[in-house]
Amino acid sequence: MKCLAVLFMALVWVVSLLPGGALAKEGDLKEGRTLYLKHCKICHGQEGKGDGYALFNPPVADLTVSTIQNKSDKELWESIHMGVSNTSMGMWRFVLSDEEISAVLGYVRSLAAGP
């Protein structure tokens, strides 16, 4: 168990060293989009504007706005991996692998550019 904690902390450290948008390779955008549409679209909407089918209080984040896009990859990766307290954003670490989370994150970064 201690070994897993050390590995997780090492991963978080490595992710923190990456420049913004560097987590997902260009080829991962297709996988990221597929995963996003499968798992995230229901709440965040087709284009990430927080207008999905599920309604929550507080409202679901609009992933295209600067307050989200200006967060570091580390912050966003951890939000997907661990969830966000006091919101409807749950943990995805039991559903998505670390690589899949990185692919989704890369796709989320591409949403700021619009369709």
Protein backbone atom coordinates (compact mmCIF):
# COMPACT_ATOMS: atom_id res chain seq x y z
CA MET A 1 0.00 0.00 0.00
CA LYS A 2 2.84 2.38 0.86
CA CYS A 3 4.44 1.57 -2.48
CA LEU A 4 1.26 2.63 -4.32
CA ALA A 5 1.20 5.93 -2.44
CA VAL A 6 4.83 6.58 -3.40
CA LEU A 7 4.10 5.73 -7.05
CA PHE A 8 1.08 8.05 -7.06
CA MET A 9 3.09 10.91 -5.56
CA ALA A 10 5.84 10.33 -8.13
CA LEU A 11 3.25 10.48 -10.91
CA VAL A 12 1.78 13.70 -9.53
CA TRP A 13 5.29 15.17 -9.36
CA VAL A 14 6.06 14.21 -12.97
CA VAL A 15 2.73 15.63 -14.15
CA SER A 16 3.46 18.89 -12.33
CA LEU A 17 6.66 19.29 -14.35
CA LEU A 18 4.89 19.09 -17.69
CA PRO A 19 4.00 22.35 -19.45
CA GLY A 20 0.30 23.16 -19.97
CA GLY A 21 -1.35 20.90 -22.53
CA ALA A 22 1.57 18.48 -22.70
CA LEU A 23 -0.12 15.48 -21.12
CA ALA A 24 -1.89 14.11 -24.16
CA LYS A 25 -0.11 13.55 -27.44
CA GLU A 26 -1.87 14.66 -30.58
CA GLY A 27 -2.70 11.06 -31.44
CA ASP A 28 -4.43 10.68 -28.08
CA LEU A 29 -7.06 13.32 -28.93
CA LYS A 30 -9.15 10.75 -30.79
CA GLU A 31 -9.08 8.40 -27.80
CA GLY A 32 -9.69 11.34 -25.46
CA ARG A 33 -12.74 12.39 -27.48
CA THR A 34 -14.11 8.86 -27.51
CA LEU A 35 -13.69 8.56 -23.73
CA TYR A 36 -15.12 12.04 -23.16
CA LEU A 37 -18.23 11.26 -25.20
CA LYS A 38 -18.67 7.96 -23.36
CA HIS A 39 -18.11 9.17 -19.78
CA CYS A 40 -18.22 12.98 -19.57
CA LYS A 41 -20.75 14.19 -22.13
CA ILE A 42 -23.76 13.32 -20.00
CA CYS A 43 -22.85 16.04 -17.49
CA HIS A 44 -20.48 18.40 -19.32
CA GLY A 45 -22.31 18.30 -22.67
CA GLN A 46 -21.21 17.55 -26.23
CA GLU A 47 -18.93 20.60 -26.40
CA GLY A 48 -17.96 20.76 -22.71
CA LYS A 49 -20.11 23.77 -21.87
CA GLY A 50 -21.70 22.18 -18.79
CA ASP A 51 -25.01 21.75 -20.56
CA GLY A 52 -25.32 17.98 -20.50
CA TYR A 53 -28.37 15.96 -19.64
CA ALA A 54 -27.64 15.74 -15.93
CA LEU A 55 -28.45 18.79 -13.79
CA PHE A 56 -26.66 19.37 -10.50
CA ASN A 57 -26.35 21.97 -7.79
CA PRO A 58 -23.79 23.49 -7.98
CA PRO A 59 -23.91 23.41 -11.76
CA VAL A 60 -21.51 21.25 -13.75
CA ALA A 61 -18.36 23.06 -14.88
CA ASP A 62 -18.14 24.62 -18.32
CA LEU A 63 -14.83 23.15 -19.45
CA THR A 64 -14.29 25.80 -22.12
CA VAL A 65 -14.05 28.83 -19.82
CA SER A 66 -10.76 30.41 -18.81
CA THR A 67 -11.18 29.56 -15.11
CA ILE A 68 -10.97 25.89 -16.05
CA GLN A 69 -8.57 26.15 -18.99
CA ASN A 70 -6.11 28.27 -16.95
CA LYS A 71 -5.73 25.51 -14.37
CA SER A 72 -2.58 23.44 -14.61
CA ASP A 73 -2.66 19.98 -16.12
CA LYS A 74 -1.85 18.67 -12.65
CA GLU A 75 -4.93 20.35 -11.15
CA LEU A 76 -7.25 19.11 -13.88
CA TRP A 77 -5.74 15.62 -13.87
CA GLU A 78 -6.29 15.40 -10.10
CA SER A 79 -9.88 16.68 -10.49
CA ILE A 80 -10.64 13.84 -12.89
CA HIS A 81 -8.69 11.25 -10.91
CA MET A 82 -9.85 12.17 -7.39
CA GLY A 83 -13.07 14.13 -8.03
CA VAL A 84 -13.91 17.59 -6.68
CA SER A 85 -15.24 18.02 -3.16
CA ASN A 86 -18.70 19.55 -2.71
CA THR A 87 -19.57 19.11 -6.39
CA SER A 88 -21.06 16.37 -8.52
CA MET A 89 -17.62 15.58 -10.00
CA GLY A 90 -16.81 12.12 -8.74
CA MET A 91 -13.58 10.14 -8.87
CA TRP A 92 -12.80 8.48 -12.17
CA ARG A 93 -9.70 6.65 -10.97
CA PHE A 94 -11.64 3.39 -10.70
CA VAL A 95 -13.06 3.70 -14.22
CA LEU A 96 -10.25 5.25 -16.26
CA SER A 97 -6.57 4.37 -16.32
CA ASP A 98 -3.98 7.10 -15.80
CA GLU A 99 -3.33 7.09 -19.55
CA GLU A 100 -7.04 7.43 -20.31
CA ILE A 101 -7.35 10.33 -17.87
CA SER A 102 -4.45 12.01 -19.66
CA ALA A 103 -6.16 11.46 -23.02
CA VAL A 104 -9.43 12.95 -21.71
CA LEU A 105 -7.49 15.89 -20.31
CA GLY A 106 -5.87 16.49 -23.69
CA TYR A 107 -9.31 16.49 -25.29
CA VAL A 108 -10.66 18.86 -22.63
CA ARG A 109 -7.81 21.25 -23.50
CA SER A 110 -8.89 21.12 -27.15
CA LEU A 111 -12.44 22.19 -26.24
CA ALA A 112 -11.28 25.76 -25.56
CA ALA A 113 -10.60 26.19 -29.27
CA GLY A 114 -14.25 25.45 -30.07
CA PRO A 115 -15.68 23.04 -32.64
